[in-house]
PDB file of N, CA and C in Angstrom:
ATOM      1  N   MET A   1       7.884  -6.016 -31.975  1.00  0.00           N
ATOM      2  CA  MET A   1       7.486  -7.427 -31.513  1.00  0.00           C
ATOM      3  C   MET A   1       6.237  -7.837 -31.541  1.00  0.00           C
ATOM      4  N   SER A   2       5.918  -8.884 -32.339  1.00  0.00           N
ATOM      5  CA  SER A   2       4.416  -9.182 -32.356  1.00  0.00           C
ATOM      6  C   SER A   2       3.928 -10.462 -31.285  1.00  0.00           C
ATOM      7  N   GLU A   3       5.296 -11.190 -30.750  1.00  0.00           N
ATOM      8  CA  GLU A   3       5.273 -12.188 -30.439  1.00  0.00           C
ATOM      9  C   GLU A   3       4.331 -12.535 -29.021  1.00  0.00           C
ATOM     10  N   GLN A   4       3.650 -13.347 -28.916  1.00  0.00           N
ATOM     11  CA  GLN A   4       2.635 -13.681 -27.787  1.00  0.00           C
ATOM     12  C   GLN A   4       3.278 -14.504 -26.833  1.00  0.00           C
ATOM     13  N   ILE A   5       2.804 -14.253 -25.282  1.00  0.00           N
ATOM     14  CA  ILE A   5       3.131 -15.030 -24.388  1.00  0.00           C
ATOM     15  C   ILE A   5       2.087 -15.573 -23.340  1.00  0.00           C
ATOM     16  N   LEU A   6       1.927 -16.960 -23.562  1.00  0.00           N
ATOM     17  CA  LEU A   6       0.943 -17.758 -22.766  1.00  0.00           C
ATOM     18  C   LEU A   6       0.884 -17.776 -21.490  1.00  0.00           C
ATOM     19  N   LYS A   7       0.358 -17.350 -20.257  1.00  0.00           N
ATOM     20  CA  LYS A   7       0.786 -17.819 -18.863  1.00  0.00           C
ATOM     21  C   LYS A   7       0.201 -19.558 -18.716  1.00  0.00           C
ATOM     22  N   LEU A   8       0.848 -19.761 -17.704  1.00  0.00           N
ATOM     23  CA  LEU A   8       0.277 -21.400 -17.502  1.00  0.00           C
ATOM     24  C   LEU A   8      -1.170 -21.757 -17.798  1.00  0.00           C
ATOM     25  N   VAL A   9      -2.132 -21.134 -16.901  1.00  0.00           N
ATOM     26  CA  VAL A   9      -3.874 -21.031 -16.956  1.00  0.00           C
ATOM     27  C   VAL A   9      -3.866 -21.335 -18.824  1.00  0.00           C
ATOM     28  N   GLU A  10      -3.444 -20.324 -19.574  1.00  0.00           N
ATOM     29  CA  GLU A  10      -3.959 -20.098 -20.921  1.00  0.00           C
ATOM     30  C   GLU A  10      -3.108 -21.059 -21.658  1.00  0.00           C
ATOM     31  N   LEU A  11      -2.107 -21.561 -21.356  1.00  0.00           N
ATOM     32  CA  LEU A  11      -1.224 -22.471 -21.990  1.00  0.00           C
ATOM     33  C   LEU A  11      -1.893 -24.184 -21.948  1.00  0.00           C
ATOM     34  N   LYS A  12      -2.195 -24.425 -20.194  1.00  0.00           N
ATOM     35  CA  LYS A  12      -3.480 -25.492 -20.125  1.00  0.00           C
ATOM     36  C   LYS A  12      -4.602 -25.589 -20.851  1.00  0.00           C
ATOM     37  N   ASN A  13      -5.475 -24.503 -21.023  1.00  0.00           N
ATOM     38  CA  ASN A  13      -6.155 -24.691 -21.982  1.00  0.00           C
ATOM     39  C   ASN A  13      -6.052 -24.894 -23.410  1.00  0.00           C
ATOM     40  N   THR A  14      -4.939 -24.447 -23.957  1.00  0.00           N
ATOM     41  CA  THR A  14      -4.502 -24.504 -25.456  1.00  0.00           C
ATOM     42  C   THR A  14      -4.070 -25.747 -25.774  1.00  0.00           C
ATOM     43  N   VAL A  15      -3.724 -26.602 -24.616  1.00  0.00           N
ATOM     44  CA  VAL A  15      -2.899 -27.670 -24.969  1.00  0.00           C
ATOM     45  C   VAL A  15      -3.510 -28.951 -24.639  1.00  0.00           C
ATOM     46  N   GLY A  16      -4.288 -28.545 -23.682  1.00  0.00           N
ATOM     47  CA  GLY A  16      -5.517 -29.528 -22.839  1.00  0.00           C
ATOM     48  C   GLY A  16      -4.450 -30.579 -22.133  1.00  0.00           C
ATOM     49  N   LEU A  17      -3.542 -30.207 -21.354  1.00  0.00           N
ATOM     50  CA  LEU A  17      -2.715 -30.640 -20.693  1.00  0.00           C
ATOM     51  C   LEU A  17      -2.303 -30.558 -19.103  1.00  0.00           C
ATOM     52  N   SER A  18      -2.519 -30.942 -18.189  1.00  0.00           N
ATOM     53  CA  SER A  18      -2.092 -30.364 -16.963  1.00  0.00           C
ATOM     54  C   SER A  18      -1.132 -29.742 -16.492  1.00  0.00           C
ATOM     55  N   GLY A  19      -1.026 -28.936 -15.411  1.00  0.00           N
ATOM     56  CA  GLY A  19       0.555 -28.171 -15.175  1.00  0.00           C
ATOM     57  C   GLY A  19       1.651 -29.402 -14.931  1.00  0.00           C
ATOM     58  N   SER A  20       1.312 -30.414 -14.210  1.00  0.00           N
ATOM     59  CA  SER A  20       2.316 -31.526 -14.013  1.00  0.00           C
ATOM     60  C   SER A  20       2.905 -32.043 -15.283  1.00  0.00           C
ATOM     61  N   THR A  21       1.807 -32.336 -16.169  1.00  0.00           N
ATOM     62  CA  THR A  21       2.052 -32.867 -17.548  1.00  0.00           C
ATOM     63  C   THR A  21       3.397 -32.299 -18.245  1.00  0.00           C
ATOM     64  N   ILE A  22       2.948 -30.946 -18.511  1.00  0.00           N
ATOM     65  CA  ILE A  22       3.418 -29.925 -19.141  1.00  0.00           C
ATOM     66  C   ILE A  22       4.791 -29.915 -18.581  1.00  0.00           C
ATOM     67  N   TYR A  23       5.096 -29.731 -17.342  1.00  0.00           N
ATOM     68  CA  TYR A  23       6.353 -29.697 -16.341  1.00  0.00           C
ATOM     69  C   TYR A  23       7.132 -30.746 -16.489  1.00  0.00           C
ATOM     70  N   ARG A  24       6.824 -32.099 -16.643  1.00  0.00           N
ATOM     71  CA  ARG A  24       7.490 -33.426 -17.026  1.00  0.00           C
ATOM     72  C   ARG A  24       7.826 -33.577 -18.396  1.00  0.00           C
ATOM     73  N   LEU A  25       6.920 -32.896 -19.444  1.00  0.00           N
ATOM     74  CA  LEU A  25       7.328 -32.765 -20.594  1.00  0.00           C
ATOM     75  C   LEU A  25       8.682 -32.003 -21.138  1.00  0.00           C
ATOM     76  N   ILE A  26       8.427 -30.759 -20.252  1.00  0.00           N
ATOM     77  CA  ILE A  26       9.712 -29.711 -20.617  1.00  0.00           C
ATOM     78  C   ILE A  26      10.780 -30.671 -19.993  1.00  0.00           C
ATOM     79  N   SER A  27      10.779 -31.343 -18.759  1.00  0.00           N
ATOM     80  CA  SER A  27      11.916 -32.082 -18.226  1.00  0.00           C
ATOM     81  C   SER A  27      12.668 -33.052 -19.082  1.00  0.00           C
ATOM     82  N   GLN A  28      11.429 -33.525 -19.770  1.00  0.00           N
ATOM     83  CA  GLN A  28      11.920 -34.556 -20.728  1.00  0.00           C
ATOM     84  C   GLN A  28      12.607 -34.114 -21.965  1.00  0.00           C
ATOM     85  N   GLY A  29      12.282 -32.876 -22.083  1.00  0.00           N
ATOM     86  CA  GLY A  29      12.644 -32.079 -23.536  1.00  0.00           C
ATOM     87  C   GLY A  29      11.945 -32.528 -24.428  1.00  0.00           C
ATOM     88  N   ASP A  30      10.394 -32.819 -24.362  1.00  0.00           N
ATOM     89  CA  ASP A  30       9.657 -32.738 -25.142  1.00  0.00           C
ATOM     90  C   ASP A  30       8.307 -31.952 -25.069  1.00  0.00           C
ATOM     91  N   PHE A  31       8.653 -30.800 -24.864  1.00  0.00           N
ATOM     92  CA  PHE A  31       7.792 -29.312 -24.550  1.00  0.00           C
ATOM     93  C   PHE A  31       8.634 -27.977 -24.674  1.00  0.00           C
ATOM     94  N   PRO A  32       8.060 -27.343 -25.732  1.00  0.00           N
ATOM     95  CA  PRO A  32       9.051 -26.223 -25.277  1.00  0.00           C
ATOM     96  C   PRO A  32       9.092 -25.461 -23.931  1.00  0.00           C
ATOM     97  N   LYS A  33       9.828 -25.108 -23.531  1.00  0.00           N
ATOM     98  CA  LYS A  33      10.626 -24.371 -22.344  1.00  0.00           C
ATOM     99  C   LYS A  33       9.964 -23.104 -21.982  1.00  0.00           C
ATOM    100  N   GLN A  34       9.631 -22.853 -20.825  1.00  0.00           N
ATOM    101  CA  GLN A  34       9.092 -21.297 -20.826  1.00  0.00           C
ATOM    102  C   GLN A  34      10.312 -20.408 -20.483  1.00  0.00           C
ATOM    103  N   ILE A  35       9.538 -19.145 -20.437  1.00  0.00           N
ATOM    104  CA  ILE A  35      10.791 -18.209 -20.562  1.00  0.00           C
ATOM    105  C   ILE A  35      10.564 -17.247 -19.381  1.00  0.00           C
ATOM    106  N   LYS A  36      11.344 -16.881 -18.729  1.00  0.00           N
ATOM    107  CA  LYS A  36      11.134 -16.160 -17.253  1.00  0.00           C
ATOM    108  C   LYS A  36      11.167 -14.491 -17.798  1.00  0.00           C
ATOM    109  N   LEU A  37       9.509 -14.344 -16.956  1.00  0.00           N
ATOM    110  CA  LEU A  37       9.372 -12.688 -17.387  1.00  0.00           C
ATOM    111  C   LEU A  37       9.748 -11.854 -16.291  1.00  0.00           C
ATOM    112  N   SER A  38       9.909 -12.509 -15.299  1.00  0.00           N
ATOM    113  CA  SER A  38      10.135 -11.908 -13.711  1.00  0.00           C
ATOM    114  C   SER A  38      10.737 -12.931 -12.652  1.00  0.00           C
ATOM    115  N   VAL A  39      10.585 -12.297 -11.782  1.00  0.00           N
ATOM    116  CA  VAL A  39      11.394 -13.544 -10.460  1.00  0.00           C
ATOM    117  C   VAL A  39      10.238 -14.303 -10.458  1.00  0.00           C
ATOM    118  N   ARG A  40       9.084 -13.965 -10.483  1.00  0.00           N
ATOM    119  CA  ARG A  40       8.110 -15.023  -9.745  1.00  0.00           C
ATOM    120  C   ARG A  40       6.837 -15.069 -10.965  1.00  0.00           C
ATOM    121  N   SER A  41       7.171 -14.978 -12.300  1.00  0.00           N
ATOM    122  CA  SER A  41       6.520 -15.131 -13.474  1.00  0.00           C
ATOM    123  C   SER A  41       7.212 -15.581 -14.470  1.00  0.00           C
ATOM    124  N   SER A  42       6.350 -16.470 -15.103  1.00  0.00           N
ATOM    125  CA  SER A  42       7.316 -17.352 -16.303  1.00  0.00           C
ATOM    126  C   SER A  42       5.946 -17.534 -17.506  1.00  0.00           C
ATOM    127  N   GLY A  43       6.502 -17.431 -18.708  1.00  0.00           N
ATOM    128  CA  GLY A  43       5.375 -17.642 -19.942  1.00  0.00           C
ATOM    129  C   GLY A  43       6.309 -18.555 -20.837  1.00  0.00           C
ATOM    130  N   TRP A  44       5.281 -18.831 -21.826  1.00  0.00           N
ATOM    131  CA  TRP A  44       5.585 -19.939 -22.815  1.00  0.00           C
ATOM    132  C   TRP A  44       5.383 -18.947 -24.153  1.00  0.00           C
ATOM    133  N   LEU A  45       6.127 -19.207 -25.319  1.00  0.00           N
ATOM    134  CA  LEU A  45       5.985 -18.378 -26.576  1.00  0.00           C
ATOM    135  C   LEU A  45       4.857 -19.032 -27.212  1.00  0.00           C
ATOM    136  N   LYS A  46       3.542 -18.292 -27.686  1.00  0.00           N
ATOM    137  CA  LYS A  46       2.326 -18.905 -28.321  1.00  0.00           C
ATOM    138  C   LYS A  46       2.980 -19.257 -29.594  1.00  0.00           C
ATOM    139  N   SER A  47       4.231 -18.997 -30.456  1.00  0.00           N
ATOM    140  CA  SER A  47       4.587 -19.519 -31.339  1.00  0.00           C
ATOM    141  C   SER A  47       5.383 -20.950 -31.306  1.00  0.00           C
ATOM    142  N   GLU A  48       6.092 -21.245 -30.314  1.00  0.00           N
ATOM    143  CA  GLU A  48       6.373 -22.442 -30.080  1.00  0.00           C
ATOM    144  C   GLU A  48       5.574 -23.483 -29.401  1.00  0.00           C
ATOM    145  N   VAL A  49       4.677 -23.183 -28.986  1.00  0.00           N
ATOM    146  CA  VAL A  49       3.482 -23.993 -28.246  1.00  0.00           C
ATOM    147  C   VAL A  49       2.732 -24.326 -29.675  1.00  0.00           C
ATOM    148  N   GLU A  50       2.646 -23.545 -30.564  1.00  0.00           N
ATOM    149  CA  GLU A  50       1.376 -23.905 -31.862  1.00  0.00           C
ATOM    150  C   GLU A  50       2.442 -24.902 -32.779  1.00  0.00           C
ATOM    151  N   GLU A  51       3.607 -24.672 -32.901  1.00  0.00           N
ATOM    152  CA  GLU A  51       4.311 -25.320 -33.506  1.00  0.00           C
ATOM    153  C   GLU A  51       4.320 -26.897 -32.778  1.00  0.00           C
ATOM    154  N   TRP A  52       4.750 -27.137 -31.470  1.00  0.00           N
ATOM    155  CA  TRP A  52       4.526 -28.374 -30.663  1.00  0.00           C
ATOM    156  C   TRP A  52       3.185 -28.822 -31.167  1.00  0.00           C
ATOM    157  N   LEU A  53       2.325 -28.351 -31.030  1.00  0.00           N
ATOM    158  CA  LEU A  53       0.773 -28.702 -31.485  1.00  0.00           C
ATOM    159  C   LEU A  53       0.704 -29.350 -32.773  1.00  0.00           C
ATOM    160  N   LYS A  54       1.343 -28.426 -33.769  1.00  0.00           N
ATOM    161  CA  LYS A  54       1.362 -29.321 -35.151  1.00  0.00           C
ATOM    162  C   LYS A  54       2.165 -30.181 -35.228  1.00  0.00           C
ATOM    163  N   GLY A  55       3.367 -30.495 -34.409  1.00  0.00           N
ATOM    164  CA  GLY A  55       3.905 -31.863 -34.669  1.00  0.00           C
ATOM    165  C   GLY A  55       3.319 -32.849 -33.848  1.00  0.00           C
ATOM    166  N   ARG A  56       2.509 -32.527 -33.100  1.00  0.00           N
ATOM    167  CA  ARG A  56       1.688 -33.335 -31.753  1.00  0.00           C
ATOM    168  C   ARG A  56       0.786 -33.985 -33.150  1.00  0.00           C
ATOM    169  N   ILE A  57      -0.146 -33.124 -33.874  1.00  0.00           N
ATOM    170  CA  ILE A  57      -1.167 -33.183 -35.035  1.00  0.00           C
ATOM    171  C   ILE A  57      -0.507 -34.391 -36.073  1.00  0.00           C
ATOM    172  N   THR A  58       0.628 -33.754 -36.276  1.00  0.00           N
ATOM    173  CA  THR A  58       1.265 -34.409 -37.478  1.00  0.00           C
ATOM    174  C   THR A  58       1.825 -36.058 -37.222  1.00  0.00           C
ATOM    175  N   ALA A  59       1.963 -36.241 -36.151  1.00  0.00           N
ATOM    176  CA  ALA A  59       2.568 -37.367 -35.581  1.00  0.00           C
ATOM    177  C   ALA A  59       1.140 -38.245 -35.310  1.00  0.00           C
ATOM    178  N   SER A  60       0.229 -37.547 -34.879  1.00  0.00           N
ATOM    179  CA  SER A  60      -0.694 -38.723 -34.580  1.00  0.00           C
ATOM    180  C   SER A  60      -1.683 -38.890 -35.840  1.00  0.00           C
ATOM    181  N   ARG A  61      -1.551 -38.386 -36.952  1.00  0.00           N
ATOM    182  CA  ARG A  61      -2.041 -38.454 -38.037  1.00  0.00           C
ATOM    183  C   ARG A  61      -1.365 -39.446 -38.816  1.00  0.00           C
ATOM    184  N   ASN A  62      -0.104 -39.622 -38.775  1.00  0.00           N
ATOM    185  CA  ASN A  62       0.718 -40.354 -39.346  1.00  0.00           C
ATOM    186  C   ASN A  62       0.997 -41.640 -38.408  1.00  0.00           C
ATOM    187  N   GLY A  63       0.030 -41.979 -37.596  1.00  0.00           N
ATOM    188  CA  GLY A  63       0.414 -43.298 -36.678  1.00  0.00           C
ATOM    189  C   GLY A  63       1.137 -43.213 -35.905  1.00  0.00           C
ATOM    190  N   GLY A  64       2.098 -41.967 -35.308  1.00  0.00           N
ATOM    191  CA  GLY A  64       2.602 -42.289 -34.648  1.00  0.00           C
ATOM    192  C   GLY A  64       1.926 -41.802 -33.061  1.00  0.00           C
ATOM    193  N   GLU A  65       2.674 -42.124 -32.036  1.00  0.00           N
ATOM    194  CA  GLU A  65       2.226 -41.698 -30.523  1.00  0.00           C
ATOM    195  C   GLU A  65       2.605 -40.366 -29.957  1.00  0.00           C
ATOM    196  N   ALA A  66       1.286 -40.181 -29.243  1.00  0.00           N
ATOM    197  CA  ALA A  66       1.336 -38.692 -28.613  1.00  0.00           C
ATOM    198  C   ALA A  66       2.446 -39.019 -27.451  1.00  0.00           C
ATOM    199  N   VAL A  67       3.008 -37.817 -26.953  1.00  0.00           N
ATOM    200  CA  VAL A  67       4.017 -37.844 -26.128  1.00  0.00           C
ATOM    201  C   VAL A  67       3.488 -38.273 -24.607  1.00  0.00           C
TER     202      VAL A  67
END
């Protein structure tokens, strides 16, 4: 399996959003949900985050609003 996992620090740098904004978007169903890696660790699938970013770019270029 070649799927990469992004931890919160990497995720924030990748999408340019704060942690609180990311978690708010997740609760609203507007951002990929994290996966549980262990009792105290979570991460996000890089492919899902990249797909979300592509959607944001497309919406932005087509006159849609960002989340």
